[in-house]
Amino acid sequence: MKINLNRPLLDFKGNEAIKVVNGKEVKQYLRDMVSEALYAAGSNPQQGLNMSKKLRAYKMLQQIINNRGVLDIETEDATLLKEICADFFVSGAYGQIYDLIEGGNKE
């Protein structure tokens, strides 16, 4: 399945989330947030990711980078992505990622 992560994160009001970087307002995109979560996957020992899951997380990260925010993954990878994101994000951000994976908002 293809998942296009090139979508802005929405805040709790449904507006595009903005953060300030070097004094400038910048939109937050799901691709960047998911990339950060995949990069850090397994850093929390309670997460319990084994070597093969960490490697799959790294390969998904490389896909996002090389395919400009688009993931082409199998069901097993989608499950891992949801697991990693559930541990990494607050419910509002996780829900948006979950909806992309499960809800049909794909490319």
PDB file of N, CA and C in Angstrom:
ATOM      1  N   MET A   1       0.827  -1.167   0.000  1.00  0.00           N
ATOM      2  CA  MET A   1       0.000   0.000   0.000  1.00  0.00           C
ATOM      3  C   MET A   1       0.878   1.239   0.000  1.00  0.00           C
ATOM      4  N   LYS A   2       0.410   2.274  -0.679  1.00  0.00           N
ATOM      5  CA  LYS A   2       1.145   3.535  -0.722  1.00  0.00           C
ATOM      6  C   LYS A   2       0.529   4.505   0.269  1.00  0.00           C
ATOM      7  N   ILE A   3       1.403   5.155   1.012  1.00  0.00           N
ATOM      8  CA  ILE A   3       0.979   6.147   1.990  1.00  0.00           C
ATOM      9  C   ILE A   3       1.738   7.441   1.712  1.00  0.00           C
ATOM     10  N   ASN A   4       1.002   8.491   1.422  1.00  0.00           N
ATOM     11  CA  ASN A   4       1.608   9.787   1.155  1.00  0.00           C
ATOM     12  C   ASN A   4       1.618  10.600   2.451  1.00  0.00           C
ATOM     13  N   LEU A   5       2.800  10.810   2.990  1.00  0.00           N
ATOM     14  CA  LEU A   5       2.962  11.533   4.242  1.00  0.00           C
ATOM     15  C   LEU A   5       3.192  13.029   4.034  1.00  0.00           C
ATOM     16  N   ASN A   6       3.030  13.493   2.822  1.00  0.00           N
ATOM     17  CA  ASN A   6       3.236  14.909   2.507  1.00  0.00           C
ATOM     18  C   ASN A   6       1.994  15.722   2.855  1.00  0.00           C
ATOM     19  N   ARG A   7       1.597  15.624   4.087  1.00  0.00           N
ATOM     20  CA  ARG A   7       0.417  16.338   4.589  1.00  0.00           C
ATOM     21  C   ARG A   7       0.816  17.105   5.837  1.00  0.00           C
ATOM     22  N   PRO A   8       0.234  18.290   5.996  1.00  0.00           N
ATOM     23  CA  PRO A   8       0.553  19.033   7.217  1.00  0.00           C
ATOM     24  C   PRO A   8      -0.094  18.388   8.436  1.00  0.00           C
ATOM     25  N   LEU A   9       0.582  18.480   9.547  1.00  0.00           N
ATOM     26  CA  LEU A   9       0.011  18.076  10.828  1.00  0.00           C
ATOM     27  C   LEU A   9      -1.064  19.087  11.183  1.00  0.00           C
ATOM     28  N   LEU A  10      -2.171  18.622  11.704  1.00  0.00           N
ATOM     29  CA  LEU A  10      -3.237  19.510  12.149  1.00  0.00           C
ATOM     30  C   LEU A  10      -3.206  19.607  13.667  1.00  0.00           C
ATOM     31  N   ASP A  11      -3.451  20.811  14.171  1.00  0.00           N
ATOM     32  CA  ASP A  11      -3.483  20.983  15.619  1.00  0.00           C
ATOM     33  C   ASP A  11      -4.854  20.573  16.164  1.00  0.00           C
ATOM     34  N   PHE A  12      -5.071  20.783  17.438  1.00  0.00           N
ATOM     35  CA  PHE A  12      -6.310  20.318  18.070  1.00  0.00           C
ATOM     36  C   PHE A  12      -7.547  21.065  17.578  1.00  0.00           C
ATOM     37  N   LYS A  13      -7.354  22.188  16.890  1.00  0.00           N
ATOM     38  CA  LYS A  13      -8.475  22.935  16.316  1.00  0.00           C
ATOM     39  C   LYS A  13      -8.712  22.586  14.853  1.00  0.00           C
ATOM     40  N   GLY A  14      -7.863  21.731  14.300  1.00  0.00           N
ATOM     41  CA  GLY A  14      -7.988  21.372  12.896  1.00  0.00           C
ATOM     42  C   GLY A  14      -7.229  22.294  11.960  1.00  0.00           C
ATOM     43  N   ASN A  15      -6.431  23.189  12.523  1.00  0.00           N
ATOM     44  CA  ASN A  15      -5.605  24.087  11.717  1.00  0.00           C
ATOM     45  C   ASN A  15      -4.230  23.463  11.492  1.00  0.00           C
ATOM     46  N   GLU A  16      -3.566  23.891  10.428  1.00  0.00           N
ATOM     47  CA  GLU A  16      -2.217  23.398  10.173  1.00  0.00           C
ATOM     48  C   GLU A  16      -1.297  23.824  11.315  1.00  0.00           C
ATOM     49  N   ALA A  17      -0.575  22.872  11.866  1.00  0.00           N
ATOM     50  CA  ALA A  17       0.320  23.135  12.992  1.00  0.00           C
ATOM     51  C   ALA A  17       1.545  23.900  12.505  1.00  0.00           C
ATOM     52  N   ILE A  18       1.918  24.886  13.279  1.00  0.00           N
ATOM     53  CA  ILE A  18       3.063  25.740  12.958  1.00  0.00           C
ATOM     54  C   ILE A  18       4.040  25.676  14.122  1.00  0.00           C
ATOM     55  N   LYS A  19       5.330  25.652  13.797  1.00  0.00           N
ATOM     56  CA  LYS A  19       6.341  25.792  14.843  1.00  0.00           C
ATOM     57  C   LYS A  19       7.293  26.893  14.415  1.00  0.00           C
ATOM     58  N   VAL A  20       7.970  27.488  15.370  1.00  0.00           N
ATOM     59  CA  VAL A  20       8.904  28.565  15.083  1.00  0.00           C
ATOM     60  C   VAL A  20      10.316  27.992  15.039  1.00  0.00           C
ATOM     61  N   VAL A  21      10.985  28.190  13.910  1.00  0.00           N
ATOM     62  CA  VAL A  21      12.357  27.731  13.722  1.00  0.00           C
ATOM     63  C   VAL A  21      13.191  28.942  13.309  1.00  0.00           C
ATOM     64  N   ASN A  22      14.178  29.264  14.121  1.00  0.00           N
ATOM     65  CA  ASN A  22      15.046  30.421  13.847  1.00  0.00           C
ATOM     66  C   ASN A  22      14.235  31.690  13.599  1.00  0.00           C
ATOM     67  N   GLY A  23      13.189  31.881  14.384  1.00  0.00           N
ATOM     68  CA  GLY A  23      12.377  33.074  14.278  1.00  0.00           C
ATOM     69  C   GLY A  23      11.365  33.081  13.153  1.00  0.00           C
ATOM     70  N   LYS A  24      11.276  31.988  12.380  1.00  0.00           N
ATOM     71  CA  LYS A  24      10.327  31.913  11.266  1.00  0.00           C
ATOM     72  C   LYS A  24       9.279  30.850  11.554  1.00  0.00           C
ATOM     73  N   GLU A  25       8.038  31.136  11.151  1.00  0.00           N
ATOM     74  CA  GLU A  25       6.979  30.148  11.293  1.00  0.00           C
ATOM     75  C   GLU A  25       7.081  29.132  10.159  1.00  0.00           C
ATOM     76  N   VAL A  26       7.045  27.839  10.525  1.00  0.00           N
ATOM     77  CA  VAL A  26       7.197  26.753   9.563  1.00  0.00           C
ATOM     78  C   VAL A  26       6.092  25.728   9.813  1.00  0.00           C
ATOM     79  N   LYS A  27       5.449  25.280   8.722  1.00  0.00           N
ATOM     80  CA  LYS A  27       4.439  24.225   8.846  1.00  0.00           C
ATOM     81  C   LYS A  27       5.109  22.929   9.277  1.00  0.00           C
ATOM     82  N   GLN A  28       4.394  22.138  10.068  1.00  0.00           N
ATOM     83  CA  GLN A  28       4.883  20.818  10.441  1.00  0.00           C
ATOM     84  C   GLN A  28       4.209  19.792   9.525  1.00  0.00           C
ATOM     85  N   TYR A  29       5.008  18.930   8.941  1.00  0.00           N
ATOM     86  CA  TYR A  29       4.492  17.908   8.029  1.00  0.00           C
ATOM     87  C   TYR A  29       4.610  16.527   8.655  1.00  0.00           C
ATOM     88  N   LEU A  30       3.633  15.675   8.352  1.00  0.00           N
ATOM     89  CA  LEU A  30       3.642  14.306   8.868  1.00  0.00           C
ATOM     90  C   LEU A  30       4.886  13.561   8.421  1.00  0.00           C
ATOM     91  N   ARG A  31       5.371  13.800   7.203  1.00  0.00           N
ATOM     92  CA  ARG A  31       6.564  13.084   6.713  1.00  0.00           C
ATOM     93  C   ARG A  31       7.763  13.321   7.629  1.00  0.00           C
ATOM     94  N   ASP A  32       7.934  14.554   8.093  1.00  0.00           N
ATOM     95  CA  ASP A  32       9.068  14.871   8.958  1.00  0.00           C
ATOM     96  C   ASP A  32       8.903  14.253  10.336  1.00  0.00           C
ATOM     97  N   MET A  33       7.694  14.289  10.829  1.00  0.00           N
ATOM     98  CA  MET A  33       7.434  13.728  12.151  1.00  0.00           C
ATOM     99  C   MET A  33       7.597  12.211  12.149  1.00  0.00           C
ATOM    100  N   VAL A  34       7.056  11.551  11.129  1.00  0.00           N
ATOM    101  CA  VAL A  34       7.182  10.092  11.033  1.00  0.00           C
ATOM    102  C   VAL A  34       8.649   9.718  10.820  1.00  0.00           C
ATOM    103  N   SER A  35       9.362  10.501  10.026  1.00  0.00           N
ATOM    104  CA  SER A  35      10.790  10.240   9.823  1.00  0.00           C
ATOM    105  C   SER A  35      11.551  10.296  11.143  1.00  0.00           C
ATOM    106  N   GLU A  36      11.240  11.286  11.954  1.00  0.00           N
ATOM    107  CA  GLU A  36      11.896  11.408  13.260  1.00  0.00           C
ATOM    108  C   GLU A  36      11.573  10.212  14.149  1.00  0.00           C
ATOM    109  N   ALA A  37      10.318   9.778  14.133  1.00  0.00           N
ATOM    110  CA  ALA A  37       9.926   8.621  14.945  1.00  0.00           C
ATOM    111  C   ALA A  37      10.641   7.356  14.480  1.00  0.00           C
ATOM    112  N   LEU A  38      10.729   7.161  13.171  1.00  0.00           N
ATOM    113  CA  LEU A  38      11.421   5.977  12.645  1.00  0.00           C
ATOM    114  C   LEU A  38      12.913   6.033  12.965  1.00  0.00           C
ATOM    115  N   TYR A  39      13.498   7.215  12.878  1.00  0.00           N
ATOM    116  CA  TYR A  39      14.919   7.383  13.186  1.00  0.00           C
ATOM    117  C   TYR A  39      15.209   7.019  14.642  1.00  0.00           C
ATOM    118  N   ALA A  40      14.292   7.375  15.532  1.00  0.00           N
ATOM    119  CA  ALA A  40      14.494   7.139  16.966  1.00  0.00           C
ATOM    120  C   ALA A  40      13.924   5.804  17.443  1.00  0.00           C
ATOM    121  N   ALA A  41      13.339   5.025  16.557  1.00  0.00           N
ATOM    122  CA  ALA A  41      12.691   3.762  16.951  1.00  0.00           C
ATOM    123  C   ALA A  41      13.657   2.864  17.711  1.00  0.00           C
ATOM    124  N   GLY A  42      13.200   2.407  18.849  1.00  0.00           N
ATOM    125  CA  GLY A  42      14.010   1.498  19.648  1.00  0.00           C
ATOM    126  C   GLY A  42      14.882   2.192  20.671  1.00  0.00           C
ATOM    127  N   SER A  43      14.858   3.525  20.693  1.00  0.00           N
ATOM    128  CA  SER A  43      15.682   4.237  21.668  1.00  0.00           C
ATOM    129  C   SER A  43      15.124   4.088  23.086  1.00  0.00           C
ATOM    130  N   ASN A  44      13.836   3.780  23.176  1.00  0.00           N
ATOM    131  CA  ASN A  44      13.211   3.525  24.469  1.00  0.00           C
ATOM    132  C   ASN A  44      13.225   2.009  24.702  1.00  0.00           C
ATOM    133  N   PRO A  45      13.975   1.535  25.701  1.00  0.00           N
ATOM    134  CA  PRO A  45      14.067   0.086  25.937  1.00  0.00           C
ATOM    135  C   PRO A  45      12.717  -0.577  26.207  1.00  0.00           C
ATOM    136  N   GLN A  46      11.759   0.183  26.732  1.00  0.00           N
ATOM    137  CA  GLN A  46      10.439  -0.372  27.003  1.00  0.00           C
ATOM    138  C   GLN A  46       9.673  -0.652  25.719  1.00  0.00           C
ATOM    139  N   GLN A  47      10.101  -0.046  24.620  1.00  0.00           N
ATOM    140  CA  GLN A  47       9.447  -0.276  23.333  1.00  0.00           C
ATOM    141  C   GLN A  47       9.673  -1.711  22.865  1.00  0.00           C
ATOM    142  N   GLY A  48      10.796  -2.282  23.239  1.00  0.00           N
ATOM    143  CA  GLY A  48      11.062  -3.686  22.956  1.00  0.00           C
ATOM    144  C   GLY A  48      11.227  -4.033  21.487  1.00  0.00           C
ATOM    145  N   LEU A  49      11.835  -3.150  20.711  1.00  0.00           N
ATOM    146  CA  LEU A  49      12.056  -3.457  19.298  1.00  0.00           C
ATOM    147  C   LEU A  49      13.331  -4.280  19.133  1.00  0.00           C
ATOM    148  N   ASN A  50      13.209  -5.410  18.451  1.00  0.00           N
ATOM    149  CA  ASN A  50      14.383  -6.230  18.191  1.00  0.00           C
ATOM    150  C   ASN A  50      15.131  -5.692  16.970  1.00  0.00           C
ATOM    151  N   MET A  51      16.234  -6.337  16.649  1.00  0.00           N
ATOM    152  CA  MET A  51      17.083  -5.854  15.553  1.00  0.00           C
ATOM    153  C   MET A  51      16.344  -5.807  14.220  1.00  0.00           C
ATOM    154  N   SER A  52      15.536  -6.804  13.925  1.00  0.00           N
ATOM    155  CA  SER A  52      14.862  -6.830  12.632  1.00  0.00           C
ATOM    156  C   SER A  52      13.825  -5.708  12.523  1.00  0.00           C
ATOM    157  N   LYS A  53      13.142  -5.384  13.612  1.00  0.00           N
ATOM    158  CA  LYS A  53      12.177  -4.282  13.580  1.00  0.00           C
ATOM    159  C   LYS A  53      12.884  -2.941  13.449  1.00  0.00           C
ATOM    160  N   LYS A  54      14.023  -2.803  14.119  1.00  0.00           N
ATOM    161  CA  LYS A  54      14.788  -1.567  13.981  1.00  0.00           C
ATOM    162  C   LYS A  54      15.266  -1.400  12.539  1.00  0.00           C
ATOM    163  N   LEU A  55      15.694  -2.485  11.917  1.00  0.00           N
ATOM    164  CA  LEU A  55      16.145  -2.415  10.535  1.00  0.00           C
ATOM    165  C   LEU A  55      14.982  -2.077   9.601  1.00  0.00           C
ATOM    166  N   ARG A  56      13.809  -2.652   9.842  1.00  0.00           N
ATOM    167  CA  ARG A  56      12.629  -2.324   9.024  1.00  0.00           C
ATOM    168  C   ARG A  56      12.256  -0.857   9.199  1.00  0.00           C
ATOM    169  N   ALA A  57      12.377  -0.341  10.415  1.00  0.00           N
ATOM    170  CA  ALA A  57      12.104   1.080  10.656  1.00  0.00           C
ATOM    171  C   ALA A  57      13.079   1.943   9.858  1.00  0.00           C
ATOM    172  N   TYR A  58      14.341   1.562   9.853  1.00  0.00           N
ATOM    173  CA  TYR A  58      15.350   2.296   9.093  1.00  0.00           C
ATOM    174  C   TYR A  58      15.042   2.265   7.594  1.00  0.00           C
ATOM    175  N   LYS A  59      14.621   1.116   7.099  1.00  0.00           N
ATOM    176  CA  LYS A  59      14.309   1.000   5.670  1.00  0.00           C
ATOM    177  C   LYS A  59      13.091   1.849   5.294  1.00  0.00           C
ATOM    178  N   MET A  60      12.104   1.933   6.190  1.00  0.00           N
ATOM    179  CA  MET A  60      10.967   2.819   5.926  1.00  0.00           C
ATOM    180  C   MET A  60      11.419   4.283   5.923  1.00  0.00           C
ATOM    181  N   LEU A  61      12.316   4.629   6.844  1.00  0.00           N
ATOM    182  CA  LEU A  61      12.863   5.983   6.878  1.00  0.00           C
ATOM    183  C   LEU A  61      13.544   6.312   5.551  1.00  0.00           C
ATOM    184  N   GLN A  62      14.351   5.392   5.055  1.00  0.00           N
ATOM    185  CA  GLN A  62      15.037   5.619   3.784  1.00  0.00           C
ATOM    186  C   GLN A  62      14.043   5.779   2.631  1.00  0.00           C
ATOM    187  N   GLN A  63      12.951   5.038   2.670  1.00  0.00           N
ATOM    188  CA  GLN A  63      11.910   5.178   1.645  1.00  0.00           C
ATOM    189  C   GLN A  63      11.306   6.570   1.661  1.00  0.00           C
ATOM    190  N   ILE A  64      11.013   7.071   2.855  1.00  0.00           N
ATOM    191  CA  ILE A  64      10.444   8.413   2.968  1.00  0.00           C
ATOM    192  C   ILE A  64      11.405   9.434   2.379  1.00  0.00           C
ATOM    193  N   ILE A  65      12.682   9.301   2.716  1.00  0.00           N
ATOM    194  CA  ILE A  65      13.696  10.234   2.213  1.00  0.00           C
ATOM    195  C   ILE A  65      13.828  10.119   0.696  1.00  0.00           C
ATOM    196  N   ASN A  66      13.960   8.912   0.188  1.00  0.00           N
ATOM    197  CA  ASN A  66      14.222   8.705  -1.238  1.00  0.00           C
ATOM    198  C   ASN A  66      12.994   8.889  -2.127  1.00  0.00           C
ATOM    199  N   ASN A  67      11.796   8.714  -1.555  1.00  0.00           N
ATOM    200  CA  ASN A  67      10.564   8.834  -2.345  1.00  0.00           C
ATOM    201  C   ASN A  67       9.787  10.088  -2.010  1.00  0.00           C
ATOM    202  N   ARG A  68      10.465  11.066  -1.422  1.00  0.00           N
ATOM    203  CA  ARG A  68       9.868  12.369  -1.132  1.00  0.00           C
ATOM    204  C   ARG A  68       8.566  12.276  -0.354  1.00  0.00           C
ATOM    205  N   GLY A  69       8.591  11.501   0.715  1.00  0.00           N
ATOM    206  CA  GLY A  69       7.459  11.445   1.631  1.00  0.00           C
ATOM    207  C   GLY A  69       6.431  10.374   1.355  1.00  0.00           C
ATOM    208  N   VAL A  70       6.691   9.508   0.376  1.00  0.00           N
ATOM    209  CA  VAL A  70       5.739   8.448   0.046  1.00  0.00           C
ATOM    210  C   VAL A  70       6.323   7.105   0.466  1.00  0.00           C
ATOM    211  N   LEU A  71       5.512   6.342   1.196  1.00  0.00           N
ATOM    212  CA  LEU A  71       5.891   4.997   1.621  1.00  0.00           C
ATOM    213  C   LEU A  71       5.100   3.978   0.817  1.00  0.00           C
ATOM    214  N   ASP A  72       5.757   2.942   0.366  1.00  0.00           N
ATOM    215  CA  ASP A  72       5.091   1.800  -0.265  1.00  0.00           C
ATOM    216  C   ASP A  72       5.413   0.598   0.608  1.00  0.00           C
ATOM    217  N   ILE A  73       4.433   0.198   1.445  1.00  0.00           N
ATOM    218  CA  ILE A  73       4.703  -0.804   2.470  1.00  0.00           C
ATOM    219  C   ILE A  73       3.676  -1.925   2.452  1.00  0.00           C
ATOM    220  N   GLU A  74       4.075  -3.025   3.070  1.00  0.00           N
ATOM    221  CA  GLU A  74       3.198  -4.181   3.255  1.00  0.00           C
ATOM    222  C   GLU A  74       2.482  -4.050   4.606  1.00  0.00           C
ATOM    223  N   THR A  75       1.538  -4.915   4.850  1.00  0.00           N
ATOM    224  CA  THR A  75       0.745  -4.890   6.082  1.00  0.00           C
ATOM    225  C   THR A  75       1.625  -4.980   7.326  1.00  0.00           C
ATOM    226  N   GLU A  76       2.642  -5.823   7.280  1.00  0.00           N
ATOM    227  CA  GLU A  76       3.546  -5.997   8.425  1.00  0.00           C
ATOM    228  C   GLU A  76       4.266  -4.690   8.764  1.00  0.00           C
ATOM    229  N   ASP A  77       4.692  -3.957   7.731  1.00  0.00           N
ATOM    230  CA  ASP A  77       5.352  -2.669   7.965  1.00  0.00           C
ATOM    231  C   ASP A  77       4.372  -1.632   8.485  1.00  0.00           C
ATOM    232  N   ALA A  78       3.136  -1.656   8.001  1.00  0.00           N
ATOM    233  CA  ALA A  78       2.117  -0.725   8.483  1.00  0.00           C
ATOM    234  C   ALA A  78       1.871  -0.944   9.975  1.00  0.00           C
ATOM    235  N   THR A  79       1.843  -2.188  10.393  1.00  0.00           N
ATOM    236  CA  THR A  79       1.666  -2.518  11.811  1.00  0.00           C
ATOM    237  C   THR A  79       2.830  -1.982  12.630  1.00  0.00           C
ATOM    238  N   LEU A  80       4.049  -2.170  12.157  1.00  0.00           N
ATOM    239  CA  LEU A  80       5.227  -1.666  12.855  1.00  0.00           C
ATOM    240  C   LEU A  80       5.201  -0.138  12.911  1.00  0.00           C
ATOM    241  N   LEU A  81       4.831   0.495  11.814  1.00  0.00           N
ATOM    242  CA  LEU A  81       4.763   1.954  11.780  1.00  0.00           C
ATOM    243  C   LEU A  81       3.766   2.481  12.812  1.00  0.00           C
ATOM    244  N   LYS A  82       2.604   1.839  12.908  1.00  0.00           N
ATOM    245  CA  LYS A  82       1.616   2.250  13.906  1.00  0.00           C
ATOM    246  C   LYS A  82       2.153   2.034  15.316  1.00  0.00           C
ATOM    247  N   GLU A  83       2.846   0.941  15.541  1.00  0.00           N
ATOM    248  CA  GLU A  83       3.422   0.643  16.863  1.00  0.00           C
ATOM    249  C   GLU A  83       4.447   1.708  17.262  1.00  0.00           C
ATOM    250  N   ILE A  84       5.326   2.038  16.340  1.00  0.00           N
ATOM    251  CA  ILE A  84       6.366   3.036  16.621  1.00  0.00           C
ATOM    252  C   ILE A  84       5.738   4.403  16.872  1.00  0.00           C
ATOM    253  N   CYS A  85       4.798   4.793  16.020  1.00  0.00           N
ATOM    254  CA  CYS A  85       4.175   6.109  16.147  1.00  0.00           C
ATOM    255  C   CYS A  85       3.315   6.215  17.408  1.00  0.00           C
ATOM    256  N   ALA A  86       2.675   5.126  17.812  1.00  0.00           N
ATOM    257  CA  ALA A  86       1.862   5.139  19.033  1.00  0.00           C
ATOM    258  C   ALA A  86       2.725   5.441  20.250  1.00  0.00           C
ATOM    259  N   ASP A  87       3.952   4.918  20.266  1.00  0.00           N
ATOM    260  CA  ASP A  87       4.852   5.161  21.386  1.00  0.00           C
ATOM    261  C   ASP A  87       5.495   6.548  21.331  1.00  0.00           C
ATOM    262  N   PHE A  88       5.611   7.112  20.140  1.00  0.00           N
ATOM    263  CA  PHE A  88       6.384   8.340  19.946  1.00  0.00           C
ATOM    264  C   PHE A  88       5.538   9.606  20.046  1.00  0.00           C
ATOM    265  N   PHE A  89       4.268   9.549  19.624  1.00  0.00           N
ATOM    266  CA  PHE A  89       3.449  10.753  19.493  1.00  0.00           C
ATOM    267  C   PHE A  89       2.315  10.825  20.501  1.00  0.00           C
ATOM    268  N   VAL A  90       1.820  12.044  20.671  1.00  0.00           N
ATOM    269  CA  VAL A  90       0.592  12.255  21.433  1.00  0.00           C
ATOM    270  C   VAL A  90      -0.570  11.750  20.586  1.00  0.00           C
ATOM    271  N   SER A  91      -1.724  11.594  21.197  1.00  0.00           N
ATOM    272  CA  SER A  91      -2.866  10.980  20.509  1.00  0.00           C
ATOM    273  C   SER A  91      -3.296  11.738  19.254  1.00  0.00           C
ATOM    274  N   GLY A  92      -3.249  13.054  19.274  1.00  0.00           N
ATOM    275  CA  GLY A  92      -3.686  13.824  18.109  1.00  0.00           C
ATOM    276  C   GLY A  92      -2.830  13.585  16.880  1.00  0.00           C
ATOM    277  N   ALA A  93      -1.535  13.533  17.057  1.00  0.00           N
ATOM    278  CA  ALA A  93      -0.637  13.267  15.926  1.00  0.00           C
ATOM    279  C   ALA A  93      -0.734  11.800  15.511  1.00  0.00           C
ATOM    280  N   TYR A  94      -0.769  10.904  16.498  1.00  0.00           N
ATOM    281  CA  TYR A  94      -0.876   9.482  16.182  1.00  0.00           C
ATOM    282  C   TYR A  94      -2.156   9.190  15.395  1.00  0.00           C
ATOM    283  N   GLY A  95      -3.251   9.793  15.797  1.00  0.00           N
ATOM    284  CA  GLY A  95      -4.521   9.569  15.116  1.00  0.00           C
ATOM    285  C   GLY A  95      -4.482   9.956  13.649  1.00  0.00           C
ATOM    286  N   GLN A  96      -3.798  11.033  13.340  1.00  0.00           N
ATOM    287  CA  GLN A  96      -3.682  11.466  11.946  1.00  0.00           C
ATOM    288  C   GLN A  96      -2.867  10.472  11.119  1.00  0.00           C
ATOM    289  N   ILE A  97      -1.817   9.935  11.721  1.00  0.00           N
ATOM    290  CA  ILE A  97      -0.997   8.942  11.032  1.00  0.00           C
ATOM    291  C   ILE A  97      -1.781   7.641  10.869  1.00  0.00           C
ATOM    292  N   TYR A  98      -2.470   7.236  11.919  1.00  0.00           N
ATOM    293  CA  TYR A  98      -3.299   6.033  11.868  1.00  0.00           C
ATOM    294  C   TYR A  98      -4.342   6.157  10.748  1.00  0.00           C
ATOM    295  N   ASP A  99      -5.009   7.312  10.672  1.00  0.00           N
ATOM    296  CA  ASP A  99      -6.007   7.533   9.637  1.00  0.00           C
ATOM    297  C   ASP A  99      -5.414   7.435   8.232  1.00  0.00           C
ATOM    298  N   LEU A 100      -4.203   7.906   8.063  1.00  0.00           N
ATOM    299  CA  LEU A 100      -3.547   7.783   6.756  1.00  0.00           C
ATOM    300  C   LEU A 100      -3.310   6.324   6.396  1.00  0.00           C
ATOM    301  N   ILE A 101      -2.903   5.535   7.371  1.00  0.00           N
ATOM    302  CA  ILE A 101      -2.599   4.125   7.123  1.00  0.00           C
ATOM    303  C   ILE A 101      -3.891   3.333   6.920  1.00  0.00           C
ATOM    304  N   GLU A 102      -4.872   3.562   7.761  1.00  0.00           N
ATOM    305  CA  GLU A 102      -6.082   2.737   7.760  1.00  0.00           C
ATOM    306  C   GLU A 102      -7.271   3.366   7.051  1.00  0.00           C
ATOM    307  N   GLY A 103      -7.261   4.680   6.937  1.00  0.00           N
ATOM    308  CA  GLY A 103      -8.469   5.371   6.501  1.00  0.00           C
ATOM    309  C   GLY A 103      -8.629   5.619   5.021  1.00  0.00           C
ATOM    310  N   GLY A 104      -7.682   5.220   4.218  1.00  0.00           N
ATOM    311  CA  GLY A 104      -7.847   5.419   2.783  1.00  0.00           C
ATOM    312  C   GLY A 104      -7.402   6.763   2.267  1.00  0.00           C
ATOM    313  N   ASN A 105      -6.760   7.584   3.115  1.00  0.00           N
ATOM    314  CA  ASN A 105      -6.251   8.889   2.660  1.00  0.00           C
ATOM    315  C   ASN A 105      -4.866   8.727   2.063  1.00  0.00           C
ATOM    316  N   LYS A 106      -4.767   7.871   1.090  1.00  0.00           N
ATOM    317  CA  LYS A 106      -3.462   7.547   0.514  1.00  0.00           C
ATOM    318  C   LYS A 106      -3.351   8.161  -0.873  1.00  0.00           C
ATOM    319  N   GLU A 107      -2.138   8.130  -1.401  1.00  0.00           N
ATOM    320  CA  GLU A 107      -1.888   8.669  -2.739  1.00  0.00           C
ATOM    321  C   GLU A 107      -2.604   7.858  -3.781  1.00  0.00           C
TER     322      GLU A 107
END
